[in-house]
Protein backbone atom coordinates (compact mmCIF):
# COMPACT_ATOMS: atom_id res chain seq x y z
CA MET A 1 -20.86 25.41 -173.69
CA SER A 2 -19.43 21.91 -173.22
CA ASN A 3 -16.26 20.70 -171.71
CA LEU A 4 -14.92 19.00 -174.61
CA GLU A 5 -11.55 17.73 -173.11
CA ASP A 6 -10.82 14.28 -174.00
CA LYS A 7 -9.67 13.46 -170.03
CA PRO A 8 -11.73 16.04 -167.90
CA ASP A 9 -10.19 16.42 -164.71
CA GLU A 10 -11.68 14.89 -161.74
CA LEU A 11 -12.82 17.69 -159.45
CA ASP A 12 -13.58 17.39 -155.60
CA CYS A 13 -14.79 20.91 -155.29
CA GLU A 14 -15.03 22.97 -152.11
CA ALA A 15 -13.95 26.48 -151.22
CA THR A 16 -10.65 27.24 -149.94
CA PRO A 17 -9.91 29.67 -147.01
CA ALA A 18 -8.16 32.82 -148.29
CA SER A 19 -7.03 35.98 -146.58
CA GLY A 20 -6.50 38.31 -149.30
CA VAL A 21 -6.79 39.08 -153.03
CA GLU A 22 -5.35 36.07 -154.91
CA ILE A 23 -4.82 36.13 -158.61
CA MET A 24 -5.60 33.07 -160.49
CA THR A 25 -4.17 32.85 -164.03
CA PRO A 26 -5.64 30.74 -166.75
CA ARG A 27 -4.92 27.27 -168.35
CA ASP A 28 -5.31 27.30 -172.17
CA VAL A 29 -7.65 24.42 -173.14
CA PRO A 30 -8.73 23.59 -176.80
CA LEU A 31 -12.22 22.61 -177.43
CA GLY A 32 -11.79 19.71 -179.99
CA GLY A 33 -9.30 19.24 -182.70
CA PRO A 34 -6.64 20.99 -183.82
CA ARG A 35 -8.49 23.73 -185.72
CA ALA A 36 -10.92 24.23 -182.73
CA MET A 37 -11.50 27.28 -180.47
CA ARG A 38 -9.25 27.62 -177.58
CA VAL A 39 -10.26 28.96 -174.17
CA ARG A 40 -8.77 30.45 -171.15
CA ARG A 41 -9.88 28.51 -168.34
CA THR A 42 -9.64 30.21 -164.74
CA LEU A 43 -12.07 28.14 -162.82
CA PRO A 44 -12.03 25.63 -161.30
CA GLN A 45 -8.30 25.28 -160.25
CA ARG A 46 -6.79 22.75 -158.05
CA HIS A 47 -6.50 24.83 -155.05
CA ARG A 48 -10.00 26.81 -155.71
CA SER A 49 -12.60 25.61 -157.38
CA LEU A 50 -15.58 27.92 -156.35
CA ILE A 51 -16.28 31.51 -156.08
CA GLY A 52 -19.85 31.60 -154.33
CA ALA A 53 -21.64 28.93 -156.63
CA TRP A 54 -19.47 29.92 -159.69
CA CYS A 55 -17.75 26.69 -160.54
CA PHE A 56 -16.32 27.13 -164.19
CA VAL A 57 -15.07 30.12 -165.81
CA ASP A 58 -13.95 29.91 -169.52
CA HIS A 59 -12.88 33.13 -171.57
CA TYR A 60 -12.16 33.07 -175.25
CA GLY A 61 -11.13 35.58 -178.06
CA PRO A 62 -11.28 37.58 -179.62
CA ASP A 63 -10.68 34.90 -182.17
CA LEU A 64 -11.29 34.95 -185.99
CA VAL A 65 -13.65 32.15 -187.11
CA ALA A 66 -11.97 31.89 -190.22
CA ASP A 67 -8.99 30.85 -187.98
CA SER A 68 -10.52 28.99 -185.05
CA GLY A 69 -13.54 27.48 -186.99
CA GLY A 70 -15.84 29.21 -184.59
CA MET A 71 -18.07 27.70 -182.23
CA VAL A 72 -19.60 24.53 -183.43
CA VAL A 73 -20.45 22.42 -180.06
CA PRO A 74 -23.02 19.71 -181.20
CA PRO A 75 -25.61 18.14 -178.70
CA HIS A 76 -24.72 17.23 -175.13
CA PRO A 77 -25.71 16.74 -171.82
CA HIS A 78 -25.78 18.99 -168.58
CA THR A 79 -26.73 18.44 -164.93
CA GLY A 80 -26.69 19.98 -161.47
CA LEU A 81 -26.11 23.45 -162.83
CA GLN A 82 -27.01 26.55 -164.62
CA THR A 83 -24.81 27.79 -167.54
CA VAL A 84 -24.51 31.61 -168.25
CA SER A 85 -23.31 32.75 -171.61
CA TRP A 86 -22.10 36.34 -171.92
CA LEU A 87 -20.71 37.68 -175.06
CA PHE A 88 -18.62 40.68 -175.87
CA THR A 89 -18.49 40.08 -179.92
CA GLY A 90 -20.29 38.14 -182.21
CA GLU A 91 -23.43 35.68 -181.98
CA VAL A 92 -24.14 32.21 -180.82
CA GLU A 93 -27.27 30.01 -181.71
CA HIS A 94 -28.80 28.27 -178.69
CA ARG A 95 -30.89 25.44 -178.95
CA ASP A 96 -31.73 23.02 -175.95
CA SER A 97 -34.21 19.79 -175.28
CA ALA A 98 -36.57 22.13 -172.82
CA GLY A 99 -37.75 23.77 -176.55
CA HIS A 100 -35.80 26.68 -176.40
CA HIS A 101 -34.21 28.40 -179.62
CA ALA A 102 -32.13 31.85 -179.00
CA MET A 103 -29.62 33.72 -179.76
CA VAL A 104 -26.55 35.01 -177.43
CA ARG A 105 -25.70 38.56 -178.04
CA PRO A 106 -23.23 41.11 -176.73
CA GLY A 107 -24.55 42.49 -173.46
CA GLU A 108 -27.36 39.79 -173.25
CA VAL A 109 -27.23 37.11 -170.93
CA ASN A 110 -28.68 33.50 -171.41
CA LEU A 111 -29.02 31.60 -168.55
CA MET A 112 -29.93 27.94 -168.79
CA THR A 113 -30.93 25.83 -165.99
CA ALA A 114 -30.08 22.09 -166.24
CA GLY A 115 -31.39 21.17 -163.05
CA ARG A 116 -32.41 17.40 -163.53
CA GLY A 117 -30.78 17.04 -166.58
CA ILE A 118 -30.88 18.80 -170.07
CA SER A 119 -28.81 18.69 -173.48
CA HIS A 120 -28.07 21.72 -175.54
CA SER A 121 -26.12 23.04 -178.51
CA GLU A 122 -24.29 25.85 -179.24
CA VAL A 123 -23.04 27.26 -182.73
CA SER A 124 -22.07 30.57 -184.13
CA PRO A 125 -23.90 31.66 -187.41
CA PRO A 126 -21.95 32.18 -190.71
CA GLU A 127 -22.30 35.92 -190.57
CA THR A 128 -20.31 36.03 -187.19
CA THR A 129 -16.41 36.65 -188.07
CA THR A 130 -15.41 37.11 -184.54
CA LEU A 131 -15.99 35.42 -181.08
CA HIS A 132 -15.13 36.88 -177.77
CA GLY A 133 -17.02 36.45 -174.57
CA ALA A 134 -17.36 33.99 -171.55
CA GLN A 135 -18.98 30.71 -170.46
CA LEU A 136 -19.89 30.35 -166.99
CA TRP A 137 -21.44 27.76 -164.95
CA VAL A 138 -23.13 27.92 -161.69
CA ALA A 139 -23.46 24.87 -158.92
CA LEU A 140 -27.15 24.42 -158.14
CA PRO A 141 -27.36 23.54 -154.25
CA ASP A 142 -28.71 20.32 -153.09
CA ASP A 143 -32.52 21.43 -152.72
CA ALA A 144 -32.51 22.64 -156.42
CA ARG A 145 -30.25 20.51 -158.36
CA PHE A 146 -33.07 18.14 -159.44
CA THR A 147 -35.40 21.06 -160.81
CA ASP A 148 -37.00 20.84 -164.30
CA PRO A 149 -35.12 22.21 -167.11
CA GLY A 150 -35.55 26.01 -167.82
CA PHE A 151 -33.95 28.98 -169.75
CA ALA A 152 -34.12 32.85 -169.02
CA HIS A 153 -32.89 35.73 -171.19
CA HIS A 154 -32.05 39.18 -170.10
CA ALA A 155 -30.60 42.41 -171.50
CA PRO A 156 -29.86 44.77 -168.90
CA GLU A 157 -29.89 48.56 -169.17
CA PRO A 158 -26.43 50.01 -168.67
CA VAL A 159 -25.76 51.76 -165.71
CA THR A 160 -23.19 54.46 -166.17
CA GLY A 161 -21.32 56.85 -164.04
CA ALA A 162 -18.11 58.94 -163.81
CA GLY A 163 -15.30 56.89 -166.02
CA TYR A 164 -17.33 53.67 -165.82
CA GLU A 165 -20.38 51.79 -167.45
CA ALA A 166 -21.76 48.64 -165.83
CA ARG A 167 -24.59 45.75 -166.81
CA VAL A 168 -25.69 44.06 -164.14
CA PHE A 169 -27.01 40.57 -165.71
CA LEU A 170 -27.25 38.66 -162.24
CA GLY A 171 -27.93 39.88 -158.79
CA SER A 172 -27.75 43.14 -157.76
CA LEU A 173 -24.96 46.37 -158.12
CA LEU A 174 -25.22 50.13 -158.53
CA GLY A 175 -28.67 50.23 -157.94
CA ASP A 176 -29.67 48.00 -160.67
CA THR A 177 -31.42 44.29 -159.96
CA SER A 178 -31.38 41.90 -162.46
CA PRO A 179 -34.84 39.73 -162.89
CA VAL A 180 -33.31 36.57 -163.47
CA THR A 181 -33.79 33.69 -161.17
CA THR A 182 -31.00 32.28 -159.29
CA TYR A 183 -31.04 29.43 -156.76
CA THR A 184 -28.38 31.00 -154.40
CA PRO A 185 -27.57 34.51 -153.99
CA LEU A 186 -25.17 35.54 -157.24
CA LEU A 187 -23.82 38.72 -158.60
CA GLY A 188 -22.72 38.93 -162.05
CA ALA A 189 -22.05 42.33 -164.11
CA GLU A 190 -19.68 43.46 -166.74
CA LEU A 191 -17.88 47.04 -166.17
CA LEU A 192 -15.97 49.08 -168.43
CA LEU A 193 -13.67 51.43 -167.03
CA ASP A 194 -12.30 54.60 -168.70
CA PRO A 195 -8.18 54.97 -168.18
CA GLY A 196 -7.30 56.36 -165.06
CA THR A 197 -11.02 55.48 -163.28
CA THR A 198 -11.06 54.44 -159.49
CA LEU A 199 -14.39 53.18 -158.90
CA THR A 200 -15.49 52.01 -155.31
CA LEU A 201 -18.56 49.63 -155.49
CA GLU A 202 -20.57 48.75 -152.24
CA VAL A 203 -20.70 44.94 -152.15
CA ASP A 204 -22.13 42.30 -149.99
CA PRO A 205 -19.71 41.47 -147.05
CA THR A 206 -20.62 38.01 -147.15
CA TYR A 207 -19.80 37.37 -150.80
CA GLU A 208 -16.81 35.96 -152.08
CA LEU A 209 -15.98 37.79 -155.41
CA GLY A 210 -14.07 37.11 -158.75
CA VAL A 211 -13.00 39.73 -160.75
CA LEU A 212 -12.27 38.41 -164.43
CA VAL A 213 -10.16 40.84 -166.55
CA ASP A 214 -10.94 40.77 -170.02
CA SER A 215 -8.68 43.59 -171.27
CA GLY A 216 -6.34 46.04 -169.50
CA VAL A 217 -4.42 46.07 -166.30
CA LEU A 218 -6.49 46.44 -163.29
CA SER A 219 -6.07 47.28 -159.73
CA VAL A 220 -8.29 45.31 -157.38
CA GLY A 221 -7.82 46.50 -154.10
CA SER A 222 -4.17 47.16 -154.31
CA THR A 223 -3.26 43.93 -156.12
CA ASP A 224 -2.72 44.29 -159.80
CA ALA A 225 -4.42 42.13 -162.56
CA LYS A 226 -4.12 41.64 -166.21
CA SER A 227 -5.94 40.17 -169.25
CA SER A 228 -7.55 37.20 -168.60
CA ASP A 229 -6.66 36.84 -164.57
CA LEU A 230 -9.23 36.11 -162.31
CA ALA A 231 -8.66 38.03 -158.79
CA PHE A 232 -10.23 36.29 -155.98
CA VAL A 233 -11.43 38.46 -153.13
CA PRO A 234 -12.57 36.83 -149.81
CA PRO A 235 -15.53 37.91 -147.96
CA GLY A 236 -15.49 40.48 -145.39
CA SER A 237 -15.64 43.77 -146.69
CA SER A 238 -18.46 46.08 -147.73
CA THR A 239 -16.80 47.85 -150.51
CA LEU A 240 -14.28 46.71 -153.78
CA THR A 241 -12.01 49.32 -155.14
CA LEU A 242 -11.21 48.80 -158.90
CA THR A 243 -8.82 51.29 -160.54
CA SER A 244 -7.70 51.34 -164.24
CA TYR A 245 -4.56 52.77 -165.66
CA ASP A 246 -3.45 54.50 -168.83
CA GLU A 247 -6.05 52.05 -171.03
CA PRO A 248 -9.51 50.92 -170.88
CA VAL A 249 -10.42 48.09 -168.92
CA ARG A 250 -13.17 45.78 -169.50
CA LEU A 251 -14.40 42.87 -166.51
CA LEU A 252 -16.38 40.60 -165.38
CA LEU A 253 -17.48 40.95 -161.83
CA LEU A 254 -18.71 37.61 -160.39
CA GLY A 255 -19.73 36.87 -156.70
CA GLY A 256 -21.72 34.95 -154.08
CA PRO A 257 -21.73 33.50 -150.70
CA PRO A 258 -19.50 30.67 -150.14
CA PHE A 259 -21.52 27.79 -151.40
CA GLY A 260 -21.26 25.44 -148.29
CA GLU A 261 -21.49 22.17 -150.12
CA SER A 262 -18.90 20.31 -151.66
CA ILE A 263 -19.80 18.99 -155.38
CA VAL A 264 -17.85 16.44 -157.74
CA MET A 265 -17.73 18.20 -161.33
CA TRP A 266 -16.70 16.06 -164.04
CA TRP A 267 -17.05 16.64 -167.96
CA ASN A 268 -20.47 18.62 -167.77
CA ILE A 269 -21.80 16.75 -164.69
CA VAL A 270 -22.10 18.74 -161.29
CA ALA A 271 -22.76 15.76 -158.75
CA ARG A 272 -22.31 14.85 -155.25
CA THR A 273 -21.01 11.45 -155.57
CA HIS A 274 -19.00 8.84 -157.75
CA GLU A 275 -22.50 6.99 -158.33
CA GLU A 276 -24.36 10.11 -159.60
CA VAL A 277 -21.74 10.57 -162.15
CA VAL A 278 -21.75 7.31 -163.29
CA ASP A 279 -25.34 7.05 -163.31
CA TRP A 280 -25.81 10.13 -165.64
CA ARG A 281 -23.10 9.49 -167.82
CA GLU A 282 -24.67 5.98 -168.56
CA ARG A 283 -28.18 8.05 -169.08
CA TRP A 284 -26.44 9.90 -171.74
CA GLN A 285 -24.75 6.98 -173.44
CA GLN A 286 -27.92 5.15 -173.50
CA GLN A 287 -29.73 8.10 -175.58
CA ILE A 288 -26.60 7.79 -178.20
CA THR A 289 -27.16 5.39 -181.05
CA ASP A 290 -25.78 4.63 -184.38
CA ALA A 291 -28.84 6.94 -185.62
CA GLY A 292 -27.79 9.80 -183.46
CA LEU A 293 -29.42 11.13 -180.27
CA VAL A 294 -32.81 9.48 -179.18
CA ASP A 295 -35.04 10.68 -176.91
CA GLY A 296 -34.39 9.87 -173.14
CA TRP A 297 -33.68 11.55 -169.95
CA PHE A 298 -31.84 14.33 -171.46
CA GLY A 299 -34.50 14.93 -174.25
CA ILE A 300 -33.26 16.39 -177.88
CA PRO A 301 -32.41 19.82 -178.56
CA VAL A 302 -35.36 21.57 -180.89
CA GLY A 303 -34.39 21.47 -184.31
CA ASP A 304 -30.81 20.18 -184.09
CA GLU A 305 -30.48 16.88 -185.82
CA ARG A 306 -26.47 16.55 -185.68
CA PRO A 307 -24.45 13.61 -184.23
CA PRO A 308 -24.15 14.17 -180.44
CA ILE A 309 -21.10 14.37 -178.41
CA PRO A 310 -20.20 11.12 -176.45
CA ALA A 311 -19.10 11.21 -172.91
CA PRO A 312 -15.34 10.49 -172.27
CA PRO A 313 -14.52 7.66 -170.38
CA LEU A 314 -14.42 7.75 -166.66
CA PRO A 315 -10.82 7.80 -164.80
CA ASN A 316 -9.80 4.52 -163.55
CA ALA A 317 -9.95 5.25 -160.06
CA ARG A 318 -13.15 6.38 -158.00
CA LEU A 319 -14.41 9.90 -158.09
CA ARG A 320 -13.54 11.01 -154.74
CA GLU A 321 -16.19 12.72 -152.37
CA ARG A 322 -15.12 15.64 -150.15
CA ARG A 323 -17.74 16.52 -147.46
């Protein structure tokens, strides 16, 4: 998914120390015009931009396509990151310039590696009437951010126990391990809790964790989080206790060790310096002509001839670096 804000924030991103569970609430972001989809964005925030290598969390729906217009995101670029698409309801068609054409379906993860540069598009098909899910980004470390573009798909088998069901789409949890390759250690899983369930998970004590609540009210440790909240849990504990109350809970559990690198994230670009952002933006703009998208640094999504999304103007001030 593209960040379609007309004036995307400049974000100098680095981890912020924390001593306990922190509840981050979302901001509402429209993806385009007045009838466009709206998303609830919990990451990045000005005081916290990364949870492990996770650098972007958008949560949307359930939205009726008849009201929202569905997901219609024409060709646009990405660099320096991986996108992770996870749906609860509906379908989205993905096309990218590395030649991949795939459907995003509930319970199946699609991970796209942008690396040195890729373009892609995402469109909900006519038969999808409701959209509900999350779009997530992972920052690539310095030694991998110029890797070739790529794509992976995985449909994890559910792991079940007393009062819970889990699907592990990245990393390892509850005895299951995803085969999807990442460039830093990561955890990504969907969990469903029955009412009145307490689940204590064994987790890596070096990981920062983020608990995105999709539905219901959840106790994370001893701190309550409601729908669309993102609870941040700092490293240090080898267990994480989650408790539902009198209604079912659905959540995404994200995590990874502190990233350890500062990044500059602007629009759909994850870079290290102002100059890199300027260069990648110019490369994209050079591909956009009166005829549409021509071949170039980012390539052309296979089978998609719609007009591409132009890059927004850069801010007047220099994009700052934080080391």
